[in-house]
C-alpha atoms as a PDB file:
ATOM      1  CA  UNK A   1      81.846  88.301  91.818  1.00  0.00           C
ATOM      2  CA  UNK A   2      83.970  91.430  92.378  1.00  0.00           C
ATOM      3  CA  UNK A   3      81.516  92.744  94.959  1.00  0.00           C
ATOM      4  CA  UNK A   4      81.488  89.458  96.859  1.00  0.00           C
ATOM      5  CA  UNK A   5      85.289  89.306  96.948  1.00  0.00           C
ATOM      6  CA  UNK A   6      85.587  92.891  98.156  1.00  0.00           C
ATOM      7  CA  UNK A   7      82.838  92.385 100.717  1.00  0.00           C
ATOM      8  CA  UNK A   8      84.565  89.287 102.065  1.00  0.00           C
ATOM      9  CA  UNK A   9      87.858  91.194 102.389  1.00  0.00           C
ATOM     10  CA  UNK A  10      86.111  94.117 104.061  1.00  0.00           C
ATOM     11  CA  UNK A  11      84.386  91.867 106.568  1.00  0.00           C
ATOM     12  CA  UNK A  12      87.623  90.045 107.370  1.00  0.00           C
ATOM     13  CA  UNK A  13      89.377  93.369 107.910  1.00  0.00           C
ATOM     14  CA  UNK A  14      86.558  94.629 110.110  1.00  0.00           C
ATOM     15  CA  UNK A  15      86.633  91.507 112.266  1.00  0.00           C
ATOM     16  CA  UNK A  16      90.408  91.698 112.594  1.00  0.00           C
ATOM     17  CA  UNK A  17      90.202  95.342 113.710  1.00  0.00           C
ATOM     18  CA  UNK A  18      87.459  94.584 116.200  1.00  0.00           C
ATOM     19  CA  UNK A  19      89.360  91.733 117.817  1.00  0.00           C
ATOM     20  CA  UNK A  20      92.608  93.732 117.921  1.00  0.00           C
ATOM     21  CA  UNK A  21      90.926  96.656 119.687  1.00  0.00           C
ATOM     22  CA  UNK A  22      88.173  94.907 121.623  1.00  0.00           C
ATOM     23  CA  UNK A  23      89.587  96.034 124.955  1.00  0.00           C
ATOM     24  CA  UNK A  24      89.057  99.769 124.213  1.00  0.00           C
ATOM     25  CA  UNK A  25      86.520 101.981 122.507  1.00  0.00           C
ATOM     26  CA  UNK A  26      87.617 102.008 118.871  1.00  0.00           C
ATOM     27  CA  UNK A  27      88.918 105.298 117.509  1.00  0.00           C
ATOM     28  CA  UNK A  28      87.970 104.197 113.982  1.00  0.00           C
ATOM     29  CA  UNK A  29      85.828 101.246 112.958  1.00  0.00           C
ATOM     30  CA  UNK A  30      85.052 100.474 109.326  1.00  0.00           C
ATOM     31  CA  UNK A  31      81.387  99.572 108.943  1.00  0.00           C
ATOM     32  CA  UNK A  32      81.309  98.760 105.219  1.00  0.00           C
ATOM     33  CA  UNK A  33      82.398  99.586 101.682  1.00  0.00           C
ATOM     34  CA  UNK A  34      80.164 101.133  99.016  1.00  0.00           C
ATOM     35  CA  UNK A  35      81.145 100.820  95.351  1.00  0.00           C
ATOM     36  CA  UNK A  36      79.740 103.508  93.043  1.00  0.00           C
ATOM     37  CA  UNK A  37      80.135 101.514  89.826  1.00  0.00           C
ATOM     38  CA  UNK A  38      78.745  98.225  88.619  1.00  0.00           C
ATOM     39  CA  UNK A  39      80.963  95.135  88.538  1.00  0.00           C
ATOM     40  CA  UNK A  40      81.321  95.222  84.747  1.00  0.00           C
ATOM     41  CA  UNK A  41      82.651  98.802  84.830  1.00  0.00           C
ATOM     42  CA  UNK A  42      84.971  98.068  87.740  1.00  0.00           C
ATOM     43  CA  UNK A  43      86.372  94.969  86.062  1.00  0.00           C
ATOM     44  CA  UNK A  44      87.217  96.979  82.934  1.00  0.00           C
ATOM     45  CA  UNK A  45      88.985  99.664  84.982  1.00  0.00           C
ATOM     46  CA  UNK A  46      90.909  97.629  87.543  1.00  0.00           C
ATOM     47  CA  UNK A  47      94.148  96.160  86.288  1.00  0.00           C
ATOM     48  CA  UNK A  48      94.619  94.169  89.500  1.00  0.00           C
ATOM     49  CA  UNK A  49      90.955  93.246  89.849  1.00  0.00           C
ATOM     50  CA  UNK A  50      89.231  92.957  93.203  1.00  0.00           C
ATOM     51  CA  UNK A  51      92.449  92.031  94.989  1.00  0.00           C
ATOM     52  CA  UNK A  52      94.087  95.353  94.128  1.00  0.00           C
ATOM     53  CA  UNK A  53      91.002  97.284  95.171  1.00  0.00           C
ATOM     54  CA  UNK A  54      90.732  95.362  98.448  1.00  0.00           C
ATOM     55  CA  UNK A  55      94.418  96.082  99.224  1.00  0.00           C
ATOM     56  CA  UNK A  56      93.918  99.775  98.490  1.00  0.00           C
ATOM     57  CA  UNK A  57      90.828  99.883 100.743  1.00  0.00           C
ATOM     58  CA  UNK A  58      92.901  98.254 103.520  1.00  0.00           C
ATOM     59  CA  UNK A  59      95.557 100.986 103.151  1.00  0.00           C
ATOM     60  CA  UNK A  60      92.908 103.708 103.366  1.00  0.00           C
ATOM     61  CA  UNK A  61      91.380 102.086 106.479  1.00  0.00           C
ATOM     62  CA  UNK A  62      94.796 101.708 108.092  1.00  0.00           C
ATOM     63  CA  UNK A  63      95.645 105.347 107.379  1.00  0.00           C
ATOM     64  CA  UNK A  64      92.290 106.511 108.736  1.00  0.00           C
ATOM     65  CA  UNK A  65      92.807 104.427 111.887  1.00  0.00           C
ATOM     66  CA  UNK A  66      96.143 106.127 112.520  1.00  0.00           C
ATOM     67  CA  UNK A  67      94.721 109.625 111.986  1.00  0.00           C
ATOM     68  CA  UNK A  68      91.634 109.038 114.147  1.00  0.00           C
ATOM     69  CA  UNK A  69      93.857 107.553 116.855  1.00  0.00           C
ATOM     70  CA  UNK A  70      95.873 110.782 117.195  1.00  0.00           C
ATOM     71  CA  UNK A  71      93.097 112.559 119.071  1.00  0.00           C
ATOM     72  CA  UNK A  72      89.817 111.846 120.786  1.00  0.00           C
ATOM     73  CA  UNK A  73      86.449 113.180 119.750  1.00  0.00           C
ATOM     74  CA  UNK A  74      82.778 112.756 120.446  1.00  0.00           C
ATOM     75  CA  UNK A  75      81.095 109.774 118.842  1.00  0.00           C
ATOM     76  CA  UNK A  76      80.809 110.300 115.092  1.00  0.00           C
ATOM     77  CA  UNK A  77      79.785 108.326 112.029  1.00  0.00           C
ATOM     78  CA  UNK A  78      80.591 109.141 108.448  1.00  0.00           C
ATOM     79  CA  UNK A  79      82.016 108.036 105.154  1.00  0.00           C
ATOM     80  CA  UNK A  80      85.404 108.469 103.531  1.00  0.00           C
ATOM     81  CA  UNK A  81      84.786 108.746  99.792  1.00  0.00           C
ATOM     82  CA  UNK A  82      87.767 108.104  97.529  1.00  0.00           C
ATOM     83  CA  UNK A  83      88.098 108.421  93.770  1.00  0.00           C
ATOM     84  CA  UNK A  84      91.121 107.311  91.752  1.00  0.00           C
ATOM     85  CA  UNK A  85      91.788 108.374  88.170  1.00  0.00           C
ATOM     86  CA  UNK A  86      94.003 106.822  85.527  1.00  0.00           C
ATOM     87  CA  UNK A  87      97.511 108.183  85.902  1.00  0.00           C
ATOM     88  CA  UNK A  88      97.683 107.779  89.665  1.00  0.00           C
ATOM     89  CA  UNK A  89      95.700 110.743  90.955  1.00  0.00           C
ATOM     90  CA  UNK A  90      93.406 110.246  93.946  1.00  0.00           C
ATOM     91  CA  UNK A  91      91.021 112.485  95.834  1.00  0.00           C
ATOM     92  CA  UNK A  92      89.132 112.144  99.105  1.00  0.00           C
ATOM     93  CA  UNK A  93      85.914 113.637 100.460  1.00  0.00           C
ATOM     94  CA  UNK A  94      84.255 113.248 103.860  1.00  0.00           C
ATOM     95  CA  UNK A  95      80.532 112.777 104.359  1.00  0.00           C
ATOM     96  CA  UNK A  96      79.652 113.568 107.953  1.00  0.00           C
ATOM     97  CA  UNK A  97      75.984 114.585 107.900  1.00  0.00           C
ATOM     98  CA  UNK A  98      75.222 116.018 111.357  1.00  0.00           C
ATOM     99  CA  UNK A  99      78.426 114.587 112.876  1.00  0.00           C
ATOM    100  CA  UNK A 100      81.528 116.610 113.692  1.00  0.00           C
ATOM    101  CA  UNK A 101      85.192 115.710 113.864  1.00  0.00           C
ATOM    102  CA  UNK A 102      87.843 117.439 115.986  1.00  0.00           C
ATOM    103  CA  UNK A 103      89.463 120.502 114.438  1.00  0.00           C
ATOM    104  CA  UNK A 104      92.257 119.629 112.022  1.00  0.00           C
ATOM    105  CA  UNK A 105      91.352 115.963 111.655  1.00  0.00           C
ATOM    106  CA  UNK A 106      89.518 116.284 108.298  1.00  0.00           C
ATOM    107  CA  UNK A 107      92.477 118.102 106.727  1.00  0.00           C
ATOM    108  CA  UNK A 108      95.050 115.611 108.094  1.00  0.00           C
ATOM    109  CA  UNK A 109      92.907 112.698 106.990  1.00  0.00           C
ATOM    110  CA  UNK A 110      92.549 114.105 103.464  1.00  0.00           C
ATOM    111  CA  UNK A 111      96.264 114.785 103.169  1.00  0.00           C
ATOM    112  CA  UNK A 112      97.247 111.346 104.478  1.00  0.00           C
ATOM    113  CA  UNK A 113      94.787 109.396 102.335  1.00  0.00           C
ATOM    114  CA  UNK A 114      95.583 111.352  99.181  1.00  0.00           C
ATOM    115  CA  UNK A 115      99.267 110.606  99.927  1.00  0.00           C
ATOM    116  CA  UNK A 116      98.749 106.846  99.594  1.00  0.00           C
ATOM    117  CA  UNK A 117     100.065 105.484  96.293  1.00  0.00           C
ATOM    118  CA  UNK A 118      96.965 105.305  94.137  1.00  0.00           C
ATOM    119  CA  UNK A 119      95.372 102.112  92.936  1.00  0.00           C
ATOM    120  CA  UNK A 120      96.181 101.575  89.234  1.00  0.00           C
ATOM    121  CA  UNK A 121      93.027 102.198  87.194  1.00  0.00           C
ATOM    122  CA  UNK A 122      92.428 102.302  83.452  1.00  0.00           C
ATOM    123  CA  UNK A 123      89.891 103.831  81.047  1.00  0.00           C
ATOM    124  CA  UNK A 124      88.119 105.895  83.731  1.00  0.00           C
ATOM    125  CA  UNK A 125      87.865 106.609  87.451  1.00  0.00           C
ATOM    126  CA  UNK A 126      86.994 104.197  90.229  1.00  0.00           C
ATOM    127  CA  UNK A 127      85.189 105.485  93.326  1.00  0.00           C
ATOM    128  CA  UNK A 128      84.213 103.914  96.636  1.00  0.00           C
ATOM    129  CA  UNK A 129      83.200 104.914 100.128  1.00  0.00           C
ATOM    130  CA  UNK A 130      84.202 103.477 103.477  1.00  0.00           C
ATOM    131  CA  UNK A 131      81.491 103.983 106.061  1.00  0.00           C
ATOM    132  CA  UNK A 132      82.759 104.265 109.623  1.00  0.00           C
ATOM    133  CA  UNK A 133      82.064 104.852 113.273  1.00  0.00           C
ATOM    134  CA  UNK A 134      84.562 106.776 115.393  1.00  0.00           C
ATOM    135  CA  UNK A 135      84.722 106.815 119.177  1.00  0.00           C
ATOM    136  CA  UNK A 136      81.561 104.721 119.470  1.00  0.00           C
ATOM    137  CA  UNK A 137      79.699 106.202 116.510  1.00  0.00           C
ATOM    138  CA  UNK A 138      77.181 108.959 115.978  1.00  0.00           C
ATOM    139  CA  UNK A 139      74.267 109.669 113.654  1.00  0.00           C
ATOM    140  CA  UNK A 140      74.357 107.431 110.558  1.00  0.00           C
ATOM    141  CA  UNK A 141      75.035 109.115 107.210  1.00  0.00           C
ATOM    142  CA  UNK A 142      73.339 106.423 105.134  1.00  0.00           C
ATOM    143  CA  UNK A 143      69.971 104.691 105.248  1.00  0.00           C
ATOM    144  CA  UNK A 144      68.481 101.580 103.682  1.00  0.00           C
ATOM    145  CA  UNK A 145      66.751 103.855 101.147  1.00  0.00           C
ATOM    146  CA  UNK A 146      69.895 105.902 100.464  1.00  0.00           C
ATOM    147  CA  UNK A 147      72.864 103.540 101.045  1.00  0.00           C
ATOM    148  CA  UNK A 148      75.493 105.461  99.044  1.00  0.00           C
ATOM    149  CA  UNK A 149      77.024 108.471 100.786  1.00  0.00           C
ATOM    150  CA  UNK A 150      77.264 111.468  98.442  1.00  0.00           C
ATOM    151  CA  UNK A 151      79.735 114.288  99.248  1.00  0.00           C
ATOM    152  CA  UNK A 152      78.332 117.837  99.244  1.00  0.00           C
ATOM    153  CA  UNK A 153      80.650 118.791  96.365  1.00  0.00           C
ATOM    154  CA  UNK A 154      79.182 115.947  94.287  1.00  0.00           C
ATOM    155  CA  UNK A 155      75.620 117.110  95.067  1.00  0.00           C
ATOM    156  CA  UNK A 156      76.484 120.654  93.989  1.00  0.00           C
ATOM    157  CA  UNK A 157      77.899 119.376  90.681  1.00  0.00           C
ATOM    158  CA  UNK A 158      74.638 117.521  90.087  1.00  0.00           C
ATOM    159  CA  UNK A 159      72.416 120.568  90.671  1.00  0.00           C
ATOM    160  CA  UNK A 160      72.301 121.796  87.063  1.00  0.00           C
ATOM    161  CA  UNK A 161      69.775 120.937  84.388  1.00  0.00           C
ATOM    162  CA  UNK A 162      69.555 117.208  83.834  1.00  0.00           C
ATOM    163  CA  UNK A 163      71.122 114.428  85.856  1.00  0.00           C
ATOM    164  CA  UNK A 164      74.879 113.859  86.084  1.00  0.00           C
ATOM    165  CA  UNK A 165      76.104 110.258  86.305  1.00  0.00           C
ATOM    166  CA  UNK A 166      77.700 109.370  89.636  1.00  0.00           C
ATOM    167  CA  UNK A 167      80.637 109.148  89.841  1.00  0.00           C
ATOM    168  CA  UNK A 168      81.986 109.625  86.298  1.00  0.00           C
ATOM    169  CA  UNK A 169      79.934 112.682  85.309  1.00  0.00           C
ATOM    170  CA  UNK A 170      80.360 114.319  88.703  1.00  0.00           C
ATOM    171  CA  UNK A 171      84.132 113.793  88.669  1.00  0.00           C
ATOM    172  CA  UNK A 172      84.321 115.272  85.147  1.00  0.00           C
ATOM    173  CA  UNK A 173      82.721 118.456  86.532  1.00  0.00           C
ATOM    174  CA  UNK A 174      84.561 118.849  89.854  1.00  0.00           C
ATOM    175  CA  UNK A 175      87.873 117.166  89.062  1.00  0.00           C
ATOM    176  CA  UNK A 176      88.589 117.461  85.311  1.00  0.00           C
END
C-alpha cells in the first residue's frame, strides 16, 4: 500500500512538472522513485507514513530542479540517493554512471538537499532514490535487471567478505 501511494504521488508530481515546463527542454525531470526497503520496514520507521515520505521526496525534487536550473549541461541521466537517520540527519549520493554534470553542480546539489529538514524516521534509516533526466537525458543508470541505483560508496562498503544488507548494513559501515 505504501509503495502504491508513493508511486501515485510521484507520478502526479512528474506530470505536474512536465506540464509546467512543456514549452522548454526540462533542466530536471524526475523519472521515478526507488525505495530500498520493504513496505513493512518502511511502515515501522515512518512516523508520518507514506504522506510524509511523499512530501519529503517532493522537497528533494523541487530543490534538485532549482539547482539544475542554475546552469545548462549536456544531456544526463542519474539518480539522487537519499538516506535519513533517526535524529534528523540526512545524506545524499549521486549515481551518474557514464553521465557527467557541470562542474560544481554535484556539490551544490548535495549541500542543498542535505540542508532540507529531514523526514522524521524511527528505529532505523530510510533510503530512496530519485531517478532523473536532465537537459533531455543521457545514458540510463538503471536497467530492468538492476532497477536500484547503488552509489559507488555503497558498493565499496559491500566489497568485504560476506554480503552487507542494503541500505541498513551499508549505512552502518559508511555513515555510523
